[in-house]
C-alpha cells in the first residue's frame, strides 16, 4: 500500500504550503469560516489578486471543506493521498481500521452530509450493526473469540 505525495508531477503539499504561507513575500492568514465573536457563519465579500492587484467584491460561498477542523483536513489530505485505501491510511497514520472509519464519518458529518447507514465496505460481509453486536457479545463473554471471528467473516457459527 502506498500514498501519493504528488500527483502528475505536481507536489500539491508544497503548492498548498506556498499558498498557505504566501509566496510573494508576507504570509497569508488561514480563512476563518466562523465569526470569532458570535460563532455564526462568515461571508466572504472580497477576493483579491496579489499579482495584479485586482479586487472583486460580492458575496462568495465557502466550500464544504471549510467546515473541517485542521485535524479533519489533515485526515482528508492523507485519505486522498492514499487514494481512499483504508489500509494505507491505517499504516500512514498508525491508527486502527475502526478509528479510520470513525474519522471518516466525522468528516462526512462535518461537511454536512449524512453518513450512509449500514454501508458495507468492499470486502465486508456483515453490516456495522451486526459487527457491533458480535463485538459486544464477545466483550460480555456470550461467545468465544473463535465464534466472533467466524461471525465477523460472515460465516455461520
C-alpha atoms as a PDB file:
ATOM      1  CA  UNK A   1       0.000   0.000   0.000  1.00  0.00           C
ATOM      2  CA  UNK A   2       1.216   3.482  -0.748  1.00  0.00           C
ATOM      3  CA  UNK A   3       0.089   7.071  -0.598  1.00  0.00           C
ATOM      4  CA  UNK A   4       0.809   9.746  -3.199  1.00  0.00           C
ATOM      5  CA  UNK A   5       2.890  12.706  -2.164  1.00  0.00           C
ATOM      6  CA  UNK A   6       2.493  14.246  -5.585  1.00  0.00           C
ATOM      7  CA  UNK A   7       0.158  13.649  -8.492  1.00  0.00           C
ATOM      8  CA  UNK A   8       1.097  14.121 -12.153  1.00  0.00           C
ATOM      9  CA  UNK A   9       4.465  15.557 -11.171  1.00  0.00           C
ATOM     10  CA  UNK A  10       2.889  18.383  -9.131  1.00  0.00           C
ATOM     11  CA  UNK A  11       3.766  18.420  -5.461  1.00  0.00           C
ATOM     12  CA  UNK A  12       0.429  19.589  -4.078  1.00  0.00           C
ATOM     13  CA  UNK A  13       1.614  19.612  -0.492  1.00  0.00           C
ATOM     14  CA  UNK A  14       4.392  22.066  -1.356  1.00  0.00           C
ATOM     15  CA  UNK A  15       1.967  24.064  -3.516  1.00  0.00           C
ATOM     16  CA  UNK A  16      -0.555  24.176  -0.634  1.00  0.00           C
ATOM     17  CA  UNK A  17       2.162  25.243   1.812  1.00  0.00           C
ATOM     18  CA  UNK A  18       3.240  28.015  -0.574  1.00  0.00           C
ATOM     19  CA  UNK A  19      -0.326  29.254  -0.828  1.00  0.00           C
ATOM     20  CA  UNK A  20      -0.886  28.914   2.897  1.00  0.00           C
ATOM     21  CA  UNK A  21       2.265  30.789   3.849  1.00  0.00           C
ATOM     22  CA  UNK A  22       2.370  33.265   0.957  1.00  0.00           C
ATOM     23  CA  UNK A  23       4.779  33.040  -1.924  1.00  0.00           C
ATOM     24  CA  UNK A  24       5.062  36.737  -2.859  1.00  0.00           C
ATOM     25  CA  UNK A  25       6.505  37.884   0.446  1.00  0.00           C
ATOM     26  CA  UNK A  26       4.454  38.155   3.598  1.00  0.00           C
ATOM     27  CA  UNK A  27       2.239  35.467   4.990  1.00  0.00           C
ATOM     28  CA  UNK A  28      -1.409  34.696   4.422  1.00  0.00           C
ATOM     29  CA  UNK A  29      -3.674  34.030   7.361  1.00  0.00           C
ATOM     30  CA  UNK A  30      -5.929  30.976   7.281  1.00  0.00           C
ATOM     31  CA  UNK A  31      -9.502  31.752   6.271  1.00  0.00           C
ATOM     32  CA  UNK A  32     -11.973  31.823   9.137  1.00  0.00           C
ATOM     33  CA  UNK A  33     -15.417  30.484   8.370  1.00  0.00           C
ATOM     34  CA  UNK A  34     -16.996  31.227  11.760  1.00  0.00           C
ATOM     35  CA  UNK A  35     -17.187  34.596  13.478  1.00  0.00           C
ATOM     36  CA  UNK A  36     -14.816  34.624  16.473  1.00  0.00           C
ATOM     37  CA  UNK A  37     -17.256  36.893  18.374  1.00  0.00           C
ATOM     38  CA  UNK A  38     -20.667  35.228  17.925  1.00  0.00           C
ATOM     39  CA  UNK A  39     -19.845  31.907  16.232  1.00  0.00           C
ATOM     40  CA  UNK A  40     -22.099  32.455  13.193  1.00  0.00           C
ATOM     41  CA  UNK A  41     -21.072  31.716   9.602  1.00  0.00           C
ATOM     42  CA  UNK A  42     -18.912  34.421   7.995  1.00  0.00           C
ATOM     43  CA  UNK A  43     -19.448  35.586   4.400  1.00  0.00           C
ATOM     44  CA  UNK A  44     -16.569  36.314   2.047  1.00  0.00           C
ATOM     45  CA  UNK A  45     -17.206  39.730   0.492  1.00  0.00           C
ATOM     46  CA  UNK A  46     -13.963  40.428  -1.342  1.00  0.00           C
ATOM     47  CA  UNK A  47     -11.402  38.461  -3.349  1.00  0.00           C
ATOM     48  CA  UNK A  48      -8.061  39.984  -4.231  1.00  0.00           C
ATOM     49  CA  UNK A  49      -5.287  39.051  -6.684  1.00  0.00           C
ATOM     50  CA  UNK A  50      -1.871  39.856  -5.225  1.00  0.00           C
ATOM     51  CA  UNK A  51      -0.213  39.587  -8.638  1.00  0.00           C
ATOM     52  CA  UNK A  52      -2.220  42.259 -10.497  1.00  0.00           C
ATOM     53  CA  UNK A  53      -3.970  43.980  -7.564  1.00  0.00           C
ATOM     54  CA  UNK A  54      -7.460  43.199  -8.911  1.00  0.00           C
ATOM     55  CA  UNK A  55     -10.237  43.074  -6.299  1.00  0.00           C
ATOM     56  CA  UNK A  56     -13.669  41.535  -6.751  1.00  0.00           C
ATOM     57  CA  UNK A  57     -16.437  42.407  -4.310  1.00  0.00           C
ATOM     58  CA  UNK A  58     -19.595  40.394  -3.801  1.00  0.00           C
ATOM     59  CA  UNK A  59     -20.906  37.545  -1.674  1.00  0.00           C
ATOM     60  CA  UNK A  60     -18.974  34.310  -2.034  1.00  0.00           C
ATOM     61  CA  UNK A  61     -19.616  30.887  -0.533  1.00  0.00           C
ATOM     62  CA  UNK A  62     -17.157  28.798   1.395  1.00  0.00           C
ATOM     63  CA  UNK A  63     -16.807  25.236   0.151  1.00  0.00           C
ATOM     64  CA  UNK A  64     -17.781  22.300   2.348  1.00  0.00           C
ATOM     65  CA  UNK A  65     -14.129  21.654   3.202  1.00  0.00           C
ATOM     66  CA  UNK A  66     -14.006  24.937   5.112  1.00  0.00           C
ATOM     67  CA  UNK A  67     -16.256  23.363   7.743  1.00  0.00           C
ATOM     68  CA  UNK A  68     -13.486  20.939   8.719  1.00  0.00           C
ATOM     69  CA  UNK A  69     -11.142  21.404  11.644  1.00  0.00           C
ATOM     70  CA  UNK A  70      -7.399  21.415  10.977  1.00  0.00           C
ATOM     71  CA  UNK A  71      -7.151  17.820  12.194  1.00  0.00           C
ATOM     72  CA  UNK A  72     -10.020  16.728   9.937  1.00  0.00           C
ATOM     73  CA  UNK A  73      -8.466  18.489   6.948  1.00  0.00           C
ATOM     74  CA  UNK A  74      -5.156  16.721   7.561  1.00  0.00           C
ATOM     75  CA  UNK A  75      -7.032  13.399   7.698  1.00  0.00           C
ATOM     76  CA  UNK A  76      -8.732  14.191   4.357  1.00  0.00           C
ATOM     77  CA  UNK A  77      -5.351  15.027   2.801  1.00  0.00           C
ATOM     78  CA  UNK A  78      -3.904  11.673   3.933  1.00  0.00           C
ATOM     79  CA  UNK A  79      -7.076   9.844   2.827  1.00  0.00           C
ATOM     80  CA  UNK A  80      -6.769  11.385  -0.655  1.00  0.00           C
ATOM     81  CA  UNK A  81      -3.008  10.740  -0.867  1.00  0.00           C
ATOM     82  CA  UNK A  82      -3.791   7.092  -0.099  1.00  0.00           C
ATOM     83  CA  UNK A  83      -6.498   7.059  -2.792  1.00  0.00           C
ATOM     84  CA  UNK A  84      -9.108   6.146  -0.187  1.00  0.00           C
ATOM     85  CA  UNK A  85      -7.421   2.861   0.684  1.00  0.00           C
ATOM     86  CA  UNK A  86      -8.209   2.430   4.361  1.00  0.00           C
ATOM     87  CA  UNK A  87      -5.331   0.002   4.984  1.00  0.00           C
ATOM     88  CA  UNK A  88      -2.886   2.582   3.591  1.00  0.00           C
ATOM     89  CA  UNK A  89      -4.424   5.302   5.782  1.00  0.00           C
ATOM     90  CA  UNK A  90      -4.098   2.960   8.797  1.00  0.00           C
ATOM     91  CA  UNK A  91      -0.412   2.439   8.049  1.00  0.00           C
ATOM     92  CA  UNK A  92       0.387   6.100   7.324  1.00  0.00           C
ATOM     93  CA  UNK A  93      -1.366   7.432  10.440  1.00  0.00           C
ATOM     94  CA  UNK A  94      -0.651   4.449  12.691  1.00  0.00           C
ATOM     95  CA  UNK A  95      -4.319   4.051  13.635  1.00  0.00           C
ATOM     96  CA  UNK A  96      -6.762   1.149  13.511  1.00  0.00           C
ATOM     97  CA  UNK A  97      -9.429   0.404  10.917  1.00  0.00           C
ATOM     98  CA  UNK A  98     -12.296   1.420  13.261  1.00  0.00           C
ATOM     99  CA  UNK A  99     -10.506   4.720  14.006  1.00  0.00           C
ATOM    100  CA  UNK A 100     -10.109   5.464  10.274  1.00  0.00           C
ATOM    101  CA  UNK A 101     -13.821   4.716   9.743  1.00  0.00           C
ATOM    102  CA  UNK A 102     -14.814   6.891  12.729  1.00  0.00           C
ATOM    103  CA  UNK A 103     -12.712   9.823  11.490  1.00  0.00           C
ATOM    104  CA  UNK A 104     -14.140   9.438   8.010  1.00  0.00           C
ATOM    105  CA  UNK A 105     -17.702   9.501   9.413  1.00  0.00           C
ATOM    106  CA  UNK A 106     -16.791  12.621  11.434  1.00  0.00           C
ATOM    107  CA  UNK A 107     -15.537  14.343   8.264  1.00  0.00           C
ATOM    108  CA  UNK A 108     -18.672  13.349   6.340  1.00  0.00           C
ATOM    109  CA  UNK A 109     -20.882  14.759   9.095  1.00  0.00           C
ATOM    110  CA  UNK A 110     -18.807  17.950   9.476  1.00  0.00           C
ATOM    111  CA  UNK A 111     -19.194  18.598   5.752  1.00  0.00           C
ATOM    112  CA  UNK A 112     -22.978  18.495   6.139  1.00  0.00           C
ATOM    113  CA  UNK A 113     -23.580  15.054   4.666  1.00  0.00           C
ATOM    114  CA  UNK A 114     -25.337  12.129   6.304  1.00  0.00           C
ATOM    115  CA  UNK A 115     -23.172   9.015   6.582  1.00  0.00           C
ATOM    116  CA  UNK A 116     -24.791   6.153   4.689  1.00  0.00           C
ATOM    117  CA  UNK A 117     -26.271   3.862   7.337  1.00  0.00           C
ATOM    118  CA  UNK A 118     -25.280   0.232   7.276  1.00  0.00           C
ATOM    119  CA  UNK A 119     -22.927   0.848   4.392  1.00  0.00           C
ATOM    120  CA  UNK A 120     -20.976  -2.306   3.716  1.00  0.00           C
ATOM    121  CA  UNK A 121     -17.373  -1.718   2.631  1.00  0.00           C
ATOM    122  CA  UNK A 122     -15.948  -3.605  -0.278  1.00  0.00           C
ATOM    123  CA  UNK A 123     -14.966  -6.970   1.160  1.00  0.00           C
ATOM    124  CA  UNK A 124     -17.194  -6.608   4.234  1.00  0.00           C
ATOM    125  CA  UNK A 125     -19.729  -9.358   4.633  1.00  0.00           C
ATOM    126  CA  UNK A 126     -21.740  -8.051   7.597  1.00  0.00           C
ATOM    127  CA  UNK A 127     -23.297  -4.719   8.493  1.00  0.00           C
ATOM    128  CA  UNK A 128     -21.837  -2.310  11.035  1.00  0.00           C
ATOM    129  CA  UNK A 129     -24.728  -3.065  13.419  1.00  0.00           C
ATOM    130  CA  UNK A 130     -24.056  -6.805  13.242  1.00  0.00           C
ATOM    131  CA  UNK A 131     -20.340  -6.205  13.716  1.00  0.00           C
ATOM    132  CA  UNK A 132     -21.019  -4.148  16.860  1.00  0.00           C
ATOM    133  CA  UNK A 133     -23.401  -6.845  18.170  1.00  0.00           C
ATOM    134  CA  UNK A 134     -20.752  -9.552  17.681  1.00  0.00           C
ATOM    135  CA  UNK A 135     -18.100  -7.456  19.438  1.00  0.00           C
ATOM    136  CA  UNK A 136     -20.496  -6.669  22.298  1.00  0.00           C
ATOM    137  CA  UNK A 137     -21.340 -10.379  22.653  1.00  0.00           C
ATOM    138  CA  UNK A 138     -17.619 -11.171  22.720  1.00  0.00           C
ATOM    139  CA  UNK A 139     -16.961  -8.498  25.352  1.00  0.00           C
ATOM    140  CA  UNK A 140     -19.794  -9.844  27.509  1.00  0.00           C
ATOM    141  CA  UNK A 141     -18.478 -13.409  27.221  1.00  0.00           C
ATOM    142  CA  UNK A 142     -21.562 -14.653  25.360  1.00  0.00           C
ATOM    143  CA  UNK A 143     -19.395 -16.024  22.533  1.00  0.00           C
ATOM    144  CA  UNK A 144     -15.802 -17.178  22.182  1.00  0.00           C
ATOM    145  CA  UNK A 145     -13.162 -15.373  20.145  1.00  0.00           C
ATOM    146  CA  UNK A 146     -13.286 -18.173  17.554  1.00  0.00           C
ATOM    147  CA  UNK A 147     -17.066 -17.735  17.213  1.00  0.00           C
ATOM    148  CA  UNK A 148     -16.607 -13.977  16.891  1.00  0.00           C
ATOM    149  CA  UNK A 149     -14.050 -14.403  14.101  1.00  0.00           C
ATOM    150  CA  UNK A 150     -16.390 -16.743  12.248  1.00  0.00           C
ATOM    151  CA  UNK A 151     -19.320 -14.338  12.605  1.00  0.00           C
ATOM    152  CA  UNK A 152     -17.245 -11.296  11.594  1.00  0.00           C
ATOM    153  CA  UNK A 153     -16.233 -13.137   8.423  1.00  0.00           C
ATOM    154  CA  UNK A 154     -19.930 -13.536   7.632  1.00  0.00           C
ATOM    155  CA  UNK A 155     -19.881 -17.269   8.158  1.00  0.00           C
ATOM    156  CA  UNK A 156     -22.430 -19.103  10.294  1.00  0.00           C
ATOM    157  CA  UNK A 157     -21.247 -20.250  13.699  1.00  0.00           C
END
